[in-house]
Amino acid sequence: MPEQQHGHLVQRVLLFLDETFTDSRLCAAIVDRLTFGGNIIETGTDSYRLAQARARARANSGRE
């Protein structure tokens, strides 16, 4: 599977988990169980989700 397709698949799975398991602790526990003993591969690309979270945090900090 090409790396770009794999990254897109991971993004979709994470979005699904966020929408399905609204409790962040439960979601973290599930991801921990799924990745335990696995190999995490760094692709060297920028994280779209991280960039969006940082942009939201900056926008929210300006509102106070």
PDB file of N, CA and C in Angstrom:
ATOM      1  N   MET A   1       0.871  -1.176   0.000  1.00  0.00           N
ATOM      2  CA  MET A   1       0.000   0.000   0.000  1.00  0.00           C
ATOM      3  C   MET A   1       0.913   1.232   0.000  1.00  0.00           C
ATOM      4  N   PRO A   2       0.725   2.147  -0.948  1.00  0.00           N
ATOM      5  CA  PRO A   2       1.539   3.368  -0.963  1.00  0.00           C
ATOM      6  C   PRO A   2       1.364   4.165   0.327  1.00  0.00           C
ATOM      7  N   GLU A   3       2.440   4.858   0.744  1.00  0.00           N
ATOM      8  CA  GLU A   3       2.422   5.582   2.016  1.00  0.00           C
ATOM      9  C   GLU A   3       1.302   6.616   2.095  1.00  0.00           C
ATOM     10  N   GLN A   4       1.038   7.314   0.998  1.00  0.00           N
ATOM     11  CA  GLN A   4       0.001   8.349   1.020  1.00  0.00           C
ATOM     12  C   GLN A   4      -1.368   7.729   1.297  1.00  0.00           C
ATOM     13  N   GLN A   5      -1.652   6.585   0.686  1.00  0.00           N
ATOM     14  CA  GLN A   5      -2.929   5.910   0.928  1.00  0.00           C
ATOM     15  C   GLN A   5      -3.004   5.415   2.364  1.00  0.00           C
ATOM     16  N   HIS A   6      -1.900   4.907   2.873  1.00  0.00           N
ATOM     17  CA  HIS A   6      -1.872   4.418   4.250  1.00  0.00           C
ATOM     18  C   HIS A   6      -2.134   5.558   5.217  1.00  0.00           C
ATOM     19  N   GLY A   7      -1.510   6.712   5.012  1.00  0.00           N
ATOM     20  CA  GLY A   7      -1.731   7.874   5.869  1.00  0.00           C
ATOM     21  C   GLY A   7      -3.181   8.317   5.844  1.00  0.00           C
ATOM     22  N   HIS A   8      -3.778   8.292   4.662  1.00  0.00           N
ATOM     23  CA  HIS A   8      -5.188   8.678   4.528  1.00  0.00           C
ATOM     24  C   HIS A   8      -6.081   7.683   5.277  1.00  0.00           C
ATOM     25  N   LEU A   9      -5.750   6.415   5.187  1.00  0.00           N
ATOM     26  CA  LEU A   9      -6.518   5.385   5.890  1.00  0.00           C
ATOM     27  C   LEU A   9      -6.432   5.593   7.402  1.00  0.00           C
ATOM     28  N   VAL A  10      -5.243   5.883   7.896  1.00  0.00           N
ATOM     29  CA  VAL A  10      -5.065   6.116   9.335  1.00  0.00           C
ATOM     30  C   VAL A  10      -5.884   7.325   9.764  1.00  0.00           C
ATOM     31  N   GLN A  11      -5.863   8.400   8.974  1.00  0.00           N
ATOM     32  CA  GLN A  11      -6.641   9.598   9.293  1.00  0.00           C
ATOM     33  C   GLN A  11      -8.126   9.255   9.401  1.00  0.00           C
ATOM     34  N   ARG A  12      -8.625   8.461   8.464  1.00  0.00           N
ATOM     35  CA  ARG A  12     -10.046   8.103   8.474  1.00  0.00           C
ATOM     36  C   ARG A  12     -10.405   7.254   9.689  1.00  0.00           C
ATOM     37  N   VAL A  13      -9.519   6.331  10.056  1.00  0.00           N
ATOM     38  CA  VAL A  13      -9.766   5.493  11.232  1.00  0.00           C
ATOM     39  C   VAL A  13      -9.795   6.364  12.481  1.00  0.00           C
ATOM     40  N   LEU A  14      -8.858   7.306  12.616  1.00  0.00           N
ATOM     41  CA  LEU A  14      -8.831   8.170  13.787  1.00  0.00           C
ATOM     42  C   LEU A  14     -10.073   9.052  13.854  1.00  0.00           C
ATOM     43  N   LEU A  15     -10.523   9.559  12.715  1.00  0.00           N
ATOM     44  CA  LEU A  15     -11.755  10.353  12.701  1.00  0.00           C
ATOM     45  C   LEU A  15     -12.944   9.503  13.131  1.00  0.00           C
ATOM     46  N   PHE A  16     -12.984   8.271  12.645  1.00  0.00           N
ATOM     47  CA  PHE A  16     -14.058   7.357  13.026  1.00  0.00           C
ATOM     48  C   PHE A  16     -14.050   7.111  14.536  1.00  0.00           C
ATOM     49  N   LEU A  17     -12.864   6.875  15.095  1.00  0.00           N
ATOM     50  CA  LEU A  17     -12.772   6.633  16.534  1.00  0.00           C
ATOM     51  C   LEU A  17     -13.223   7.844  17.323  1.00  0.00           C
ATOM     52  N   ASP A  18     -12.825   9.042  16.889  1.00  0.00           N
ATOM     53  CA  ASP A  18     -13.241  10.272  17.579  1.00  0.00           C
ATOM     54  C   ASP A  18     -14.754  10.439  17.571  1.00  0.00           C
ATOM     55  N   GLU A  19     -15.382  10.100  16.457  1.00  0.00           N
ATOM     56  CA  GLU A  19     -16.823  10.269  16.342  1.00  0.00           C
ATOM     57  C   GLU A  19     -17.582   9.165  17.080  1.00  0.00           C
ATOM     58  N   THR A  20     -17.009   7.967  17.117  1.00  0.00           N
ATOM     59  CA  THR A  20     -17.683   6.828  17.718  1.00  0.00           C
ATOM     60  C   THR A  20     -17.519   6.808  19.231  1.00  0.00           C
ATOM     61  N   PHE A  21     -16.301   7.046  19.681  1.00  0.00           N
ATOM     62  CA  PHE A  21     -16.002   7.009  21.109  1.00  0.00           C
ATOM     63  C   PHE A  21     -15.749   8.431  21.578  1.00  0.00           C
ATOM     64  N   THR A  22     -16.788   9.078  22.036  1.00  0.00           N
ATOM     65  CA  THR A  22     -16.679  10.495  22.392  1.00  0.00           C
ATOM     66  C   THR A  22     -15.914  10.717  23.693  1.00  0.00           C
ATOM     67  N   ASP A  23     -15.746   9.690  24.503  1.00  0.00           N
ATOM     68  CA  ASP A  23     -14.952   9.798  25.718  1.00  0.00           C
ATOM     69  C   ASP A  23     -13.478   9.672  25.330  1.00  0.00           C
ATOM     70  N   SER A  24     -12.698  10.723  25.539  1.00  0.00           N
ATOM     71  CA  SER A  24     -11.312  10.725  25.086  1.00  0.00           C
ATOM     72  C   SER A  24     -10.465   9.668  25.798  1.00  0.00           C
ATOM     73  N   ARG A  25     -10.762   9.380  27.063  1.00  0.00           N
ATOM     74  CA  ARG A  25     -10.001   8.345  27.772  1.00  0.00           C
ATOM     75  C   ARG A  25     -10.272   6.972  27.179  1.00  0.00           C
ATOM     76  N   LEU A  26     -11.516   6.705  26.835  1.00  0.00           N
ATOM     77  CA  LEU A  26     -11.860   5.429  26.218  1.00  0.00           C
ATOM     78  C   LEU A  26     -11.190   5.306  24.856  1.00  0.00           C
ATOM     79  N   CYS A  27     -11.228   6.370  24.086  1.00  0.00           N
ATOM     80  CA  CYS A  27     -10.611   6.353  22.765  1.00  0.00           C
ATOM     81  C   CYS A  27      -9.103   6.108  22.886  1.00  0.00           C
ATOM     82  N   ALA A  28      -8.446   6.778  23.846  1.00  0.00           N
ATOM     83  CA  ALA A  28      -7.005   6.591  24.053  1.00  0.00           C
ATOM     84  C   ALA A  28      -6.700   5.150  24.453  1.00  0.00           C
ATOM     85  N   ALA A  29      -7.555   4.563  25.293  1.00  0.00           N
ATOM     86  CA  ALA A  29      -7.345   3.178  25.714  1.00  0.00           C
ATOM     87  C   ALA A  29      -7.481   2.214  24.536  1.00  0.00           C
ATOM     88  N   ILE A  30      -8.433   2.472  23.666  1.00  0.00           N
ATOM     89  CA  ILE A  30      -8.629   1.616  22.495  1.00  0.00           C
ATOM     90  C   ILE A  30      -7.430   1.711  21.563  1.00  0.00           C
ATOM     91  N   VAL A  31      -6.978   2.924  21.307  1.00  0.00           N
ATOM     92  CA  VAL A  31      -5.808   3.105  20.432  1.00  0.00           C
ATOM     93  C   VAL A  31      -4.587   2.439  21.062  1.00  0.00           C
ATOM     94  N   ASP A  32      -4.439   2.564  22.371  1.00  0.00           N
ATOM     95  CA  ASP A  32      -3.321   1.924  23.068  1.00  0.00           C
ATOM     96  C   ASP A  32      -3.358   0.414  22.872  1.00  0.00           C
ATOM     97  N   ARG A  33      -4.534  -0.170  23.015  1.00  0.00           N
ATOM     98  CA  ARG A  33      -4.676  -1.616  22.826  1.00  0.00           C
ATOM     99  C   ARG A  33      -4.387  -2.026  21.379  1.00  0.00           C
ATOM    100  N   LEU A  34      -4.843  -1.224  20.439  1.00  0.00           N
ATOM    101  CA  LEU A  34      -4.637  -1.556  19.026  1.00  0.00           C
ATOM    102  C   LEU A  34      -3.172  -1.468  18.620  1.00  0.00           C
ATOM    103  N   THR A  35      -2.438  -0.558  19.243  1.00  0.00           N
ATOM    104  CA  THR A  35      -1.050  -0.348  18.835  1.00  0.00           C
ATOM    105  C   THR A  35      -0.047  -1.074  19.723  1.00  0.00           C
ATOM    106  N   PHE A  36      -0.500  -1.706  20.816  1.00  0.00           N
ATOM    107  CA  PHE A  36       0.406  -2.402  21.718  1.00  0.00           C
ATOM    108  C   PHE A  36       1.154  -3.498  20.965  1.00  0.00           C
ATOM    109  N   GLY A  37       2.463  -3.452  21.068  1.00  0.00           N
ATOM    110  CA  GLY A  37       3.283  -4.478  20.420  1.00  0.00           C
ATOM    111  C   GLY A  37       3.440  -4.273  18.924  1.00  0.00           C
ATOM    112  N   GLY A  38       2.857  -3.208  18.397  1.00  0.00           N
ATOM    113  CA  GLY A  38       2.958  -2.946  16.968  1.00  0.00           C
ATOM    114  C   GLY A  38       4.106  -2.010  16.650  1.00  0.00           C
ATOM    115  N   ASN A  39       4.346  -1.823  15.402  1.00  0.00           N
ATOM    116  CA  ASN A  39       5.371  -0.898  14.939  1.00  0.00           C
ATOM    117  C   ASN A  39       4.705   0.366  14.433  1.00  0.00           C
ATOM    118  N   ILE A  40       5.099   1.496  14.979  1.00  0.00           N
ATOM    119  CA  ILE A  40       4.585   2.775  14.532  1.00  0.00           C
ATOM    120  C   ILE A  40       5.571   3.327  13.509  1.00  0.00           C
ATOM    121  N   ILE A  41       5.089   3.649  12.344  1.00  0.00           N
ATOM    122  CA  ILE A  41       5.944   4.125  11.260  1.00  0.00           C
ATOM    123  C   ILE A  41       5.754   5.620  11.094  1.00  0.00           C
ATOM    124  N   GLU A  42       6.835   6.364  11.218  1.00  0.00           N
ATOM    125  CA  GLU A  42       6.782   7.804  10.982  1.00  0.00           C
ATOM    126  C   GLU A  42       6.924   8.039   9.485  1.00  0.00           C
ATOM    127  N   THR A  43       6.008   8.793   8.923  1.00  0.00           N
ATOM    128  CA  THR A  43       6.045   9.033   7.482  1.00  0.00           C
ATOM    129  C   THR A  43       6.848  10.271   7.120  1.00  0.00           C
ATOM    130  N   GLY A  44       7.112  11.130   8.116  1.00  0.00           N
ATOM    131  CA  GLY A  44       7.869  12.339   7.826  1.00  0.00           C
ATOM    132  C   GLY A  44       7.012  13.449   7.258  1.00  0.00           C
ATOM    133  N   THR A  45       5.705  13.241   7.216  1.00  0.00           N
ATOM    134  CA  THR A  45       4.818  14.267   6.685  1.00  0.00           C
ATOM    135  C   THR A  45       4.179  15.034   7.832  1.00  0.00           C
ATOM    136  N   ASP A  46       3.656  16.209   7.539  1.00  0.00           N
ATOM    137  CA  ASP A  46       2.986  17.008   8.548  1.00  0.00           C
ATOM    138  C   ASP A  46       1.618  16.417   8.866  1.00  0.00           C
ATOM    139  N   SER A  47       1.241  16.492  10.114  1.00  0.00           N
ATOM    140  CA  SER A  47      -0.045  15.967  10.557  1.00  0.00           C
ATOM    141  C   SER A  47      -1.132  17.018  10.348  1.00  0.00           C
ATOM    142  N   TYR A  48      -2.108  16.695   9.541  1.00  0.00           N
ATOM    143  CA  TYR A  48      -3.228  17.601   9.299  1.00  0.00           C
ATOM    144  C   TYR A  48      -4.008  17.813  10.591  1.00  0.00           C
ATOM    145  N   ARG A  49      -4.237  16.741  11.344  1.00  0.00           N
ATOM    146  CA  ARG A  49      -5.010  16.830  12.582  1.00  0.00           C
ATOM    147  C   ARG A  49      -4.297  17.689  13.618  1.00  0.00           C
ATOM    148  N   LEU A  50      -2.980  17.545  13.723  1.00  0.00           N
ATOM    149  CA  LEU A  50      -2.228  18.350  14.678  1.00  0.00           C
ATOM    150  C   LEU A  50      -2.275  19.824  14.289  1.00  0.00           C
ATOM    151  N   ALA A  51      -2.129  20.117  13.008  1.00  0.00           N
ATOM    152  CA  ALA A  51      -2.191  21.502  12.539  1.00  0.00           C
ATOM    153  C   ALA A  51      -3.558  22.116  12.823  1.00  0.00           C
ATOM    154  N   GLN A  52      -4.619  21.355  12.607  1.00  0.00           N
ATOM    155  CA  GLN A  52      -5.964  21.853  12.865  1.00  0.00           C
ATOM    156  C   GLN A  52      -6.192  22.081  14.361  1.00  0.00           C
ATOM    157  N   ALA A  53      -5.706  21.170  15.195  1.00  0.00           N
ATOM    158  CA  ALA A  53      -5.858  21.312  16.643  1.00  0.00           C
ATOM    159  C   ALA A  53      -5.109  22.549  17.143  1.00  0.00           C
ATOM    160  N   ARG A  54      -3.909  22.779  16.624  1.00  0.00           N
ATOM    161  CA  ARG A  54      -3.146  23.957  17.028  1.00  0.00           C
ATOM    162  C   ARG A  54      -3.826  25.246  16.566  1.00  0.00           C
ATOM    163  N   ALA A  55      -4.386  25.230  15.363  1.00  0.00           N
ATOM    164  CA  ALA A  55      -5.083  26.412  14.849  1.00  0.00           C
ATOM    165  C   ALA A  55      -6.315  26.714  15.707  1.00  0.00           C
ATOM    166  N   ARG A  56      -7.059  25.667  16.101  1.00  0.00           N
ATOM    167  CA  ARG A  56      -8.222  25.862  16.977  1.00  0.00           C
ATOM    168  C   ARG A  56      -7.794  26.414  18.326  1.00  0.00           C
ATOM    169  N   ALA A  57      -6.694  25.892  18.862  1.00  0.00           N
ATOM    170  CA  ALA A  57      -6.213  26.360  20.166  1.00  0.00           C
ATOM    171  C   ALA A  57      -5.810  27.829  20.088  1.00  0.00           C
ATOM    172  N   ARG A  58      -5.134  28.222  19.006  1.00  0.00           N
ATOM    173  CA  ARG A  58      -4.760  29.631  18.839  1.00  0.00           C
ATOM    174  C   ARG A  58      -5.991  30.500  18.712  1.00  0.00           C
ATOM    175  N   ALA A  59      -6.979  30.048  17.955  1.00  0.00           N
ATOM    176  CA  ALA A  59      -8.211  30.823  17.776  1.00  0.00           C
ATOM    177  C   ALA A  59      -8.968  30.948  19.087  1.00  0.00           C
ATOM    178  N   ASN A  60      -9.023  29.875  19.855  1.00  0.00           N
ATOM    179  CA  ASN A  60      -9.732  29.888  21.129  1.00  0.00           C
ATOM    180  C   ASN A  60      -9.010  30.746  22.171  1.00  0.00           C
ATOM    181  N   SER A  61      -7.696  30.772  22.148  1.00  0.00           N
ATOM    182  CA  SER A  61      -6.958  31.562  23.135  1.00  0.00           C
ATOM    183  C   SER A  61      -7.106  33.056  22.869  1.00  0.00           C
ATOM    184  N   GLY A  62      -7.403  33.432  21.637  1.00  0.00           N
ATOM    185  CA  GLY A  62      -7.613  34.839  21.300  1.00  0.00           C
ATOM    186  C   GLY A  62      -8.984  35.337  21.693  1.00  0.00           C
ATOM    187  N   ARG A  63      -9.905  34.443  21.986  1.00  0.00           N
ATOM    188  CA  ARG A  63     -11.277  34.824  22.329  1.00  0.00           C
ATOM    189  C   ARG A  63     -11.440  35.227  23.785  1.00  0.00           C
ATOM    190  N   GLU A  64     -10.520  34.808  24.612  1.00  0.00           N
ATOM    191  CA  GLU A  64     -10.671  35.054  26.059  1.00  0.00           C
ATOM    192  C   GLU A  64     -10.285  36.447  26.435  1.00  0.00           C
TER     193      GLU A  64
END
